[in-house]
Amino acid sequence: MRRQIQKLIDKEINPSVAGHGGRIELVDYVNKHVYIQMMGGCQGCAASSATLRQGVERIIRDSFGDDVVEIIDVTDHEQGDNPFYSTSPFE
């Protein structure tokens, strides 16, 4: 299952986030939970939660249905080097 999820991420998700200098990788798949890590422009990006919920999660759920109950982002977004969008200093 891990290989199938990573293959989907590489084929369907990474080409889209690559336009913003990002990449997403599967960290693990345990008990129907998918753990992903965002890198590059996605790490620390203010839009990363929208990317996760509206893009990554939708694509994975559409492809794997009941084999996935939750997609969890384990990225340390505070350590992002050069996010495409920076967070507001007023938040």
PDB file of N, CA and C in Angstrom:
ATOM      1  N   MET A   1       0.829  -1.194   0.000  1.00  0.00           N
ATOM      2  CA  MET A   1       0.000   0.000   0.000  1.00  0.00           C
ATOM      3  C   MET A   1       0.876   1.262   0.000  1.00  0.00           C
ATOM      4  N   ARG A   2       1.978   1.216   0.746  1.00  0.00           N
ATOM      5  CA  ARG A   2       2.863   2.387   0.793  1.00  0.00           C
ATOM      6  C   ARG A   2       3.349   2.764  -0.606  1.00  0.00           C
ATOM      7  N   ARG A   3       3.752   1.755  -1.372  1.00  0.00           N
ATOM      8  CA  ARG A   3       4.245   2.029  -2.723  1.00  0.00           C
ATOM      9  C   ARG A   3       3.162   2.645  -3.602  1.00  0.00           C
ATOM     10  N   GLN A   4       1.943   2.158  -3.462  1.00  0.00           N
ATOM     11  CA  GLN A   4       0.834   2.687  -4.256  1.00  0.00           C
ATOM     12  C   GLN A   4       0.536   4.142  -3.894  1.00  0.00           C
ATOM     13  N   ILE A   5       0.581   4.447  -2.612  1.00  0.00           N
ATOM     14  CA  ILE A   5       0.320   5.830  -2.175  1.00  0.00           C
ATOM     15  C   ILE A   5       1.420   6.755  -2.672  1.00  0.00           C
ATOM     16  N   GLN A   6       2.694   6.355  -2.516  1.00  0.00           N
ATOM     17  CA  GLN A   6       3.788   7.210  -2.976  1.00  0.00           C
ATOM     18  C   GLN A   6       3.734   7.391  -4.487  1.00  0.00           C
ATOM     19  N   LYS A   7       3.378   6.336  -5.207  1.00  0.00           N
ATOM     20  CA  LYS A   7       3.254   6.438  -6.669  1.00  0.00           C
ATOM     21  C   LYS A   7       2.172   7.455  -7.047  1.00  0.00           C
ATOM     22  N   LEU A   8       1.044   7.422  -6.343  1.00  0.00           N
ATOM     23  CA  LEU A   8      -0.023   8.400  -6.587  1.00  0.00           C
ATOM     24  C   LEU A   8       0.458   9.815  -6.287  1.00  0.00           C
ATOM     25  N   ILE A   9       1.139   9.988  -5.175  1.00  0.00           N
ATOM     26  CA  ILE A   9       1.671  11.305  -4.806  1.00  0.00           C
ATOM     27  C   ILE A   9       2.617  11.803  -5.894  1.00  0.00           C
ATOM     28  N   ASP A  10       3.517  10.935  -6.346  1.00  0.00           N
ATOM     29  CA  ASP A  10       4.490  11.331  -7.371  1.00  0.00           C
ATOM     30  C   ASP A  10       3.827  11.683  -8.700  1.00  0.00           C
ATOM     31  N   LYS A  11       2.787  10.945  -9.044  1.00  0.00           N
ATOM     32  CA  LYS A  11       2.143  11.131 -10.352  1.00  0.00           C
ATOM     33  C   LYS A  11       1.101  12.248 -10.360  1.00  0.00           C
ATOM     34  N   GLU A  12       0.294  12.330  -9.307  1.00  0.00           N
ATOM     35  CA  GLU A  12      -0.851  13.240  -9.314  1.00  0.00           C
ATOM     36  C   GLU A  12      -0.672  14.527  -8.493  1.00  0.00           C
ATOM     37  N   ILE A  13       0.158  14.472  -7.462  1.00  0.00           N
ATOM     38  CA  ILE A  13       0.253  15.615  -6.536  1.00  0.00           C
ATOM     39  C   ILE A  13       1.535  16.412  -6.738  1.00  0.00           C
ATOM     40  N   ASN A  14       2.674  15.732  -6.783  1.00  0.00           N
ATOM     41  CA  ASN A  14       3.941  16.452  -6.870  1.00  0.00           C
ATOM     42  C   ASN A  14       4.104  17.331  -8.102  1.00  0.00           C
ATOM     43  N   PRO A  15       3.584  16.945  -9.264  1.00  0.00           N
ATOM     44  CA  PRO A  15       3.704  17.870 -10.396  1.00  0.00           C
ATOM     45  C   PRO A  15       3.026  19.226 -10.131  1.00  0.00           C
ATOM     46  N   SER A  16       1.938  19.220  -9.390  1.00  0.00           N
ATOM     47  CA  SER A  16       1.242  20.472  -9.081  1.00  0.00           C
ATOM     48  C   SER A  16       2.010  21.323  -8.079  1.00  0.00           C
ATOM     49  N   VAL A  17       2.483  20.709  -7.003  1.00  0.00           N
ATOM     50  CA  VAL A  17       3.184  21.500  -5.985  1.00  0.00           C
ATOM     51  C   VAL A  17       4.599  21.868  -6.420  1.00  0.00           C
ATOM     52  N   ALA A  18       5.133  21.173  -7.428  1.00  0.00           N
ATOM     53  CA  ALA A  18       6.471  21.497  -7.932  1.00  0.00           C
ATOM     54  C   ALA A  18       6.509  22.903  -8.529  1.00  0.00           C
ATOM     55  N   GLY A  19       5.383  23.367  -9.048  1.00  0.00           N
ATOM     56  CA  GLY A  19       5.311  24.718  -9.601  1.00  0.00           C
ATOM     57  C   GLY A  19       5.560  25.796  -8.565  1.00  0.00           C
ATOM     58  N   HIS A  20       5.425  25.443  -7.304  1.00  0.00           N
ATOM     59  CA  HIS A  20       5.684  26.369  -6.201  1.00  0.00           C
ATOM     60  C   HIS A  20       6.955  25.975  -5.455  1.00  0.00           C
ATOM     61  N   GLY A  21       7.745  25.093  -6.050  1.00  0.00           N
ATOM     62  CA  GLY A  21       8.995  24.668  -5.431  1.00  0.00           C
ATOM     63  C   GLY A  21       8.799  23.649  -4.322  1.00  0.00           C
ATOM     64  N   GLY A  22       7.661  22.972  -4.305  1.00  0.00           N
ATOM     65  CA  GLY A  22       7.372  22.021  -3.236  1.00  0.00           C
ATOM     66  C   GLY A  22       7.440  20.574  -3.656  1.00  0.00           C
ATOM     67  N   ARG A  23       7.391  19.726  -2.663  1.00  0.00           N
ATOM     68  CA  ARG A  23       7.377  18.281  -2.867  1.00  0.00           C
ATOM     69  C   ARG A  23       6.707  17.653  -1.651  1.00  0.00           C
ATOM     70  N   ILE A  24       5.979  16.562  -1.881  1.00  0.00           N
ATOM     71  CA  ILE A  24       5.320  15.842  -0.799  1.00  0.00           C
ATOM     72  C   ILE A  24       5.759  14.392  -0.858  1.00  0.00           C
ATOM     73  N   GLU A  25       6.089  13.843   0.301  1.00  0.00           N
ATOM     74  CA  GLU A  25       6.496  12.445   0.375  1.00  0.00           C
ATOM     75  C   GLU A  25       5.699  11.719   1.440  1.00  0.00           C
ATOM     76  N   LEU A  26       5.489  10.448   1.185  1.00  0.00           N
ATOM     77  CA  LEU A  26       4.857   9.581   2.159  1.00  0.00           C
ATOM     78  C   LEU A  26       5.878   9.246   3.236  1.00  0.00           C
ATOM     79  N   VAL A  27       5.511   9.455   4.489  1.00  0.00           N
ATOM     80  CA  VAL A  27       6.369   9.076   5.612  1.00  0.00           C
ATOM     81  C   VAL A  27       6.018   7.662   6.055  1.00  0.00           C
ATOM     82  N   ASP A  28       4.706   7.388   6.165  1.00  0.00           N
ATOM     83  CA  ASP A  28       4.275   6.058   6.599  1.00  0.00           C
ATOM     84  C   ASP A  28       2.785   5.876   6.327  1.00  0.00           C
ATOM     85  N   TYR A  29       2.378   4.632   6.364  1.00  0.00           N
ATOM     86  CA  TYR A  29       0.971   4.245   6.265  1.00  0.00           C
ATOM     87  C   TYR A  29       0.754   3.196   7.339  1.00  0.00           C
ATOM     88  N   VAL A  30      -0.006   3.549   8.381  1.00  0.00           N
ATOM     89  CA  VAL A  30      -0.224   2.665   9.519  1.00  0.00           C
ATOM     90  C   VAL A  30      -1.698   2.706   9.904  1.00  0.00           C
ATOM     91  N   ASN A  31      -2.316   1.522   9.994  1.00  0.00           N
ATOM     92  CA  ASN A  31      -3.715   1.424  10.431  1.00  0.00           C
ATOM     93  C   ASN A  31      -4.638   2.387   9.692  1.00  0.00           C
ATOM     94  N   LYS A  32      -4.471   2.437   8.378  1.00  0.00           N
ATOM     95  CA  LYS A  32      -5.292   3.278   7.499  1.00  0.00           C
ATOM     96  C   LYS A  32      -5.050   4.778   7.673  1.00  0.00           C
ATOM     97  N   HIS A  33      -3.960   5.143   8.329  1.00  0.00           N
ATOM     98  CA  HIS A  33      -3.562   6.547   8.477  1.00  0.00           C
ATOM     99  C   HIS A  33      -2.359   6.797   7.572  1.00  0.00           C
ATOM    100  N   VAL A  34      -2.444   7.854   6.774  1.00  0.00           N
ATOM    101  CA  VAL A  34      -1.371   8.233   5.861  1.00  0.00           C
ATOM    102  C   VAL A  34      -0.627   9.415   6.478  1.00  0.00           C
ATOM    103  N   TYR A  35       0.674   9.263   6.656  1.00  0.00           N
ATOM    104  CA  TYR A  35       1.518  10.323   7.212  1.00  0.00           C
ATOM    105  C   TYR A  35       2.367  10.874   6.078  1.00  0.00           C
ATOM    106  N   ILE A  36       2.251  12.178   5.849  1.00  0.00           N
ATOM    107  CA  ILE A  36       3.010  12.810   4.768  1.00  0.00           C
ATOM    108  C   ILE A  36       3.889  13.927   5.326  1.00  0.00           C
ATOM    109  N   GLN A  37       4.907  14.263   4.535  1.00  0.00           N
ATOM    110  CA  GLN A  37       5.782  15.383   4.876  1.00  0.00           C
ATOM    111  C   GLN A  37       5.872  16.291   3.658  1.00  0.00           C
ATOM    112  N   MET A  38       5.744  17.578   3.919  1.00  0.00           N
ATOM    113  CA  MET A  38       5.858  18.583   2.864  1.00  0.00           C
ATOM    114  C   MET A  38       7.265  19.158   2.904  1.00  0.00           C
ATOM    115  N   MET A  39       7.837  19.357   1.718  1.00  0.00           N
ATOM    116  CA  MET A  39       9.204  19.862   1.639  1.00  0.00           C
ATOM    117  C   MET A  39       9.293  21.020   0.663  1.00  0.00           C
ATOM    118  N   GLY A  40      10.436  21.654   0.644  1.00  0.00           N
ATOM    119  CA  GLY A  40      10.662  22.767  -0.271  1.00  0.00           C
ATOM    120  C   GLY A  40       9.716  23.913   0.018  1.00  0.00           C
ATOM    121  N   GLY A  41       9.106  24.453  -1.016  1.00  0.00           N
ATOM    122  CA  GLY A  41       8.200  25.588  -0.880  1.00  0.00           C
ATOM    123  C   GLY A  41       6.945  25.278  -0.085  1.00  0.00           C
ATOM    124  N   CYS A  42       6.616  23.996   0.080  1.00  0.00           N
ATOM    125  CA  CYS A  42       5.424  23.621   0.860  1.00  0.00           C
ATOM    126  C   CYS A  42       5.690  23.676   2.358  1.00  0.00           C
ATOM    127  N   GLN A  43       6.946  23.502   2.744  1.00  0.00           N
ATOM    128  CA  GLN A  43       7.285  23.515   4.171  1.00  0.00           C
ATOM    129  C   GLN A  43       7.287  24.962   4.655  1.00  0.00           C
ATOM    130  N   GLY A  44       6.370  25.273   5.537  1.00  0.00           N
ATOM    131  CA  GLY A  44       6.276  26.628   6.063  1.00  0.00           C
ATOM    132  C   GLY A  44       5.349  27.527   5.264  1.00  0.00           C
ATOM    133  N   CYS A  45       4.776  27.016   4.209  1.00  0.00           N
ATOM    134  CA  CYS A  45       3.888  27.813   3.364  1.00  0.00           C
ATOM    135  C   CYS A  45       2.562  28.072   4.078  1.00  0.00           C
ATOM    136  N   ALA A  46       2.083  29.282   3.998  1.00  0.00           N
ATOM    137  CA  ALA A  46       0.815  29.650   4.630  1.00  0.00           C
ATOM    138  C   ALA A  46      -0.360  28.896   4.017  1.00  0.00           C
ATOM    139  N   ALA A  47      -0.224  28.445   2.790  1.00  0.00           N
ATOM    140  CA  ALA A  47      -1.304  27.728   2.110  1.00  0.00           C
ATOM    141  C   ALA A  47      -1.182  26.210   2.246  1.00  0.00           C
ATOM    142  N   SER A  48      -0.244  25.730   3.069  1.00  0.00           N
ATOM    143  CA  SER A  48      -0.014  24.287   3.165  1.00  0.00           C
ATOM    144  C   SER A  48      -1.221  23.524   3.690  1.00  0.00           C
ATOM    145  N   SER A  49      -1.971  24.097   4.613  1.00  0.00           N
ATOM    146  CA  SER A  49      -3.144  23.375   5.126  1.00  0.00           C
ATOM    147  C   SER A  49      -4.221  23.275   4.048  1.00  0.00           C
ATOM    148  N   ALA A  50      -4.360  24.287   3.216  1.00  0.00           N
ATOM    149  CA  ALA A  50      -5.308  24.214   2.101  1.00  0.00           C
ATOM    150  C   ALA A  50      -4.842  23.187   1.075  1.00  0.00           C
ATOM    151  N   THR A  51      -3.556  23.151   0.801  1.00  0.00           N
ATOM    152  CA  THR A  51      -3.006  22.149  -0.116  1.00  0.00           C
ATOM    153  C   THR A  51      -3.286  20.750   0.419  1.00  0.00           C
ATOM    154  N   LEU A  52      -3.101  20.570   1.713  1.00  0.00           N
ATOM    155  CA  LEU A  52      -3.330  19.264   2.325  1.00  0.00           C
ATOM    156  C   LEU A  52      -4.797  18.859   2.209  1.00  0.00           C
ATOM    157  N   ARG A  53      -5.702  19.706   2.639  1.00  0.00           N
ATOM    158  CA  ARG A  53      -7.128  19.345   2.706  1.00  0.00           C
ATOM    159  C   ARG A  53      -7.819  19.345   1.348  1.00  0.00           C
ATOM    160  N   GLN A  54      -7.514  20.321   0.509  1.00  0.00           N
ATOM    161  CA  GLN A  54      -8.235  20.451  -0.757  1.00  0.00           C
ATOM    162  C   GLN A  54      -7.571  19.723  -1.916  1.00  0.00           C
ATOM    163  N   GLY A  55      -6.303  19.389  -1.749  1.00  0.00           N
ATOM    164  CA  GLY A  55      -5.585  18.703  -2.828  1.00  0.00           C
ATOM    165  C   GLY A  55      -5.171  17.304  -2.450  1.00  0.00           C
ATOM    166  N   VAL A  56      -4.202  17.210  -1.569  1.00  0.00           N
ATOM    167  CA  VAL A  56      -3.624  15.918  -1.193  1.00  0.00           C
ATOM    168  C   VAL A  56      -4.689  14.973  -0.647  1.00  0.00           C
ATOM    169  N   GLU A  57      -5.437  15.436   0.328  1.00  0.00           N
ATOM    170  CA  GLU A  57      -6.436  14.578   0.965  1.00  0.00           C
ATOM    171  C   GLU A  57      -7.506  14.129  -0.036  1.00  0.00           C
ATOM    172  N   ARG A  58      -7.984  15.021  -0.839  1.00  0.00           N
ATOM    173  CA  ARG A  58      -9.025  14.690  -1.815  1.00  0.00           C
ATOM    174  C   ARG A  58      -8.533  13.630  -2.804  1.00  0.00           C
ATOM    175  N   ILE A  59      -7.342  13.810  -3.324  1.00  0.00           N
ATOM    176  CA  ILE A  59      -6.793  12.878  -4.313  1.00  0.00           C
ATOM    177  C   ILE A  59      -6.563  11.499  -3.691  1.00  0.00           C
ATOM    178  N   ILE A  60      -5.996  11.459  -2.504  1.00  0.00           N
ATOM    179  CA  ILE A  60      -5.738  10.171  -1.851  1.00  0.00           C
ATOM    180  C   ILE A  60      -7.044   9.468  -1.505  1.00  0.00           C
ATOM    181  N   ARG A  61      -8.007  10.185  -0.960  1.00  0.00           N
ATOM    182  CA  ARG A  61      -9.301   9.568  -0.605  1.00  0.00           C
ATOM    183  C   ARG A  61     -10.049   9.078  -1.848  1.00  0.00           C
ATOM    184  N   ASP A  62     -10.003   9.844  -2.929  1.00  0.00           N
ATOM    185  CA  ASP A  62     -10.661   9.420  -4.167  1.00  0.00           C
ATOM    186  C   ASP A  62     -10.047   8.131  -4.712  1.00  0.00           C
ATOM    187  N   SER A  63      -8.754   7.966  -4.522  1.00  0.00           N
ATOM    188  CA  SER A  63      -8.059   6.807  -5.065  1.00  0.00           C
ATOM    189  C   SER A  63      -8.111   5.576  -4.172  1.00  0.00           C
ATOM    190  N   PHE A  64      -8.127   5.778  -2.857  1.00  0.00           N
ATOM    191  CA  PHE A  64      -8.008   4.643  -1.941  1.00  0.00           C
ATOM    192  C   PHE A  64      -9.225   4.432  -1.045  1.00  0.00           C
ATOM    193  N   GLY A  65     -10.195   5.315  -1.087  1.00  0.00           N
ATOM    194  CA  GLY A  65     -11.457   5.140  -0.368  1.00  0.00           C
ATOM    195  C   GLY A  65     -11.313   4.730   1.084  1.00  0.00           C
ATOM    196  N   ASP A  66     -11.929   3.617   1.439  1.00  0.00           N
ATOM    197  CA  ASP A  66     -11.970   3.152   2.824  1.00  0.00           C
ATOM    198  C   ASP A  66     -10.624   2.648   3.350  1.00  0.00           C
ATOM    199  N   ASP A  67      -9.620   2.532   2.485  1.00  0.00           N
ATOM    200  CA  ASP A  67      -8.294   2.108   2.941  1.00  0.00           C
ATOM    201  C   ASP A  67      -7.551   3.240   3.642  1.00  0.00           C
ATOM    202  N   VAL A  68      -8.128   4.447   3.600  1.00  0.00           N
ATOM    203  CA  VAL A  68      -7.517   5.608   4.250  1.00  0.00           C
ATOM    204  C   VAL A  68      -8.578   6.304   5.101  1.00  0.00           C
ATOM    205  N   VAL A  69      -8.303   6.448   6.401  1.00  0.00           N
ATOM    206  CA  VAL A  69      -9.246   7.153   7.276  1.00  0.00           C
ATOM    207  C   VAL A  69      -8.774   8.559   7.615  1.00  0.00           C
ATOM    208  N   GLU A  70      -7.459   8.798   7.504  1.00  0.00           N
ATOM    209  CA  GLU A  70      -6.938  10.125   7.851  1.00  0.00           C
ATOM    210  C   GLU A  70      -5.598  10.353   7.163  1.00  0.00           C
ATOM    211  N   ILE A  71      -5.379  11.593   6.726  1.00  0.00           N
ATOM    212  CA  ILE A  71      -4.094  12.014   6.179  1.00  0.00           C
ATOM    213  C   ILE A  71      -3.522  13.015   7.164  1.00  0.00           C
ATOM    214  N   ILE A  72      -2.316  12.733   7.648  1.00  0.00           N
ATOM    215  CA  ILE A  72      -1.710  13.531   8.711  1.00  0.00           C
ATOM    216  C   ILE A  72      -0.407  14.148   8.204  1.00  0.00           C
ATOM    217  N   ASP A  73      -0.313  15.451   8.319  1.00  0.00           N
ATOM    218  CA  ASP A  73       0.895  16.189   7.933  1.00  0.00           C
ATOM    219  C   ASP A  73       1.843  16.225   9.133  1.00  0.00           C
ATOM    220  N   VAL A  74       3.008  15.615   9.003  1.00  0.00           N
ATOM    221  CA  VAL A  74       3.985  15.588  10.102  1.00  0.00           C
ATOM    222  C   VAL A  74       5.115  16.595   9.882  1.00  0.00           C
ATOM    223  N   THR A  75       4.934  17.489   8.937  1.00  0.00           N
ATOM    224  CA  THR A  75       5.945  18.489   8.600  1.00  0.00           C
ATOM    225  C   THR A  75       6.151  19.481   9.736  1.00  0.00           C
ATOM    226  N   ASP A  76       7.395  19.843   9.987  1.00  0.00           N
ATOM    227  CA  ASP A  76       7.711  20.921  10.922  1.00  0.00           C
ATOM    228  C   ASP A  76       7.704  22.218  10.115  1.00  0.00           C
ATOM    229  N   HIS A  77       6.534  22.838  10.013  1.00  0.00           N
ATOM    230  CA  HIS A  77       6.395  24.025   9.172  1.00  0.00           C
ATOM    231  C   HIS A  77       7.139  25.239   9.717  1.00  0.00           C
ATOM    232  N   GLU A  78       7.513  25.224  10.961  1.00  0.00           N
ATOM    233  CA  GLU A  78       8.290  26.331  11.534  1.00  0.00           C
ATOM    234  C   GLU A  78       9.714  26.369  10.976  1.00  0.00           C
ATOM    235  N   GLN A  79      10.161  25.257  10.411  1.00  0.00           N
ATOM    236  CA  GLN A  79      11.526  25.173   9.899  1.00  0.00           C
ATOM    237  C   GLN A  79      11.631  25.403   8.397  1.00  0.00           C
ATOM    238  N   GLY A  80      10.550  25.827   7.752  1.00  0.00           N
ATOM    239  CA  GLY A  80      10.574  26.061   6.311  1.00  0.00           C
ATOM    240  C   GLY A  80      11.614  27.109   5.945  1.00  0.00           C
ATOM    241  N   ASP A  81      12.434  26.809   4.938  1.00  0.00           N
ATOM    242  CA  ASP A  81      13.515  27.712   4.544  1.00  0.00           C
ATOM    243  C   ASP A  81      13.042  28.869   3.669  1.00  0.00           C
ATOM    244  N   ASN A  82      12.231  28.554   2.675  1.00  0.00           N
ATOM    245  CA  ASN A  82      11.880  29.567   1.694  1.00  0.00           C
ATOM    246  C   ASN A  82      10.469  29.315   1.171  1.00  0.00           C
ATOM    247  N   PRO A  83       9.452  29.509   2.007  1.00  0.00           N
ATOM    248  CA  PRO A  83       8.101  29.229   1.550  1.00  0.00           C
ATOM    249  C   PRO A  83       7.672  30.161   0.419  1.00  0.00           C
ATOM    250  N   PHE A  84       6.834  29.631  -0.447  1.00  0.00           N
ATOM    251  CA  PHE A  84       6.315  30.406  -1.575  1.00  0.00           C
ATOM    252  C   PHE A  84       5.488  31.579  -1.064  1.00  0.00           C
ATOM    253  N   TYR A  85       4.648  31.318  -0.071  1.00  0.00           N
ATOM    254  CA  TYR A  85       3.888  32.374   0.583  1.00  0.00           C
ATOM    255  C   TYR A  85       4.384  32.455   2.018  1.00  0.00           C
ATOM    256  N   SER A  86       4.686  33.623   2.491  1.00  0.00           N
ATOM    257  CA  SER A  86       5.110  33.719   3.877  1.00  0.00           C
ATOM    258  C   SER A  86       3.917  34.074   4.756  1.00  0.00           C
ATOM    259  N   THR A  87       3.953  33.632   6.006  1.00  0.00           N
ATOM    260  CA  THR A  87       2.869  33.920   6.926  1.00  0.00           C
ATOM    261  C   THR A  87       2.947  35.375   7.354  1.00  0.00           C
ATOM    262  N   SER A  88       1.821  35.908   7.718  1.00  0.00           N
ATOM    263  CA  SER A  88       1.748  37.289   8.164  1.00  0.00           C
ATOM    264  C   SER A  88       2.393  37.435   9.540  1.00  0.00           C
ATOM    265  N   PRO A  89       3.178  38.481   9.768  1.00  0.00           N
ATOM    266  CA  PRO A  89       3.774  38.679  11.084  1.00  0.00           C
ATOM    267  C   PRO A  89       2.727  39.078  12.124  1.00  0.00           C
ATOM    268  N   PHE A  90       1.489  39.346  11.675  1.00  0.00           N
ATOM    269  CA  PHE A  90       0.425  39.777  12.574  1.00  0.00           C
ATOM    270  C   PHE A  90      -0.438  38.634  13.072  1.00  0.00           C
ATOM    271  N   GLU A  91      -0.139  37.408  12.632  1.00  0.00           N
ATOM    272  CA  GLU A  91      -0.931  36.233  13.057  1.00  0.00           C
ATOM    273  C   GLU A  91      -0.420  35.696  14.373  1.00  0.00           C
TER     274      GLU A  91
END
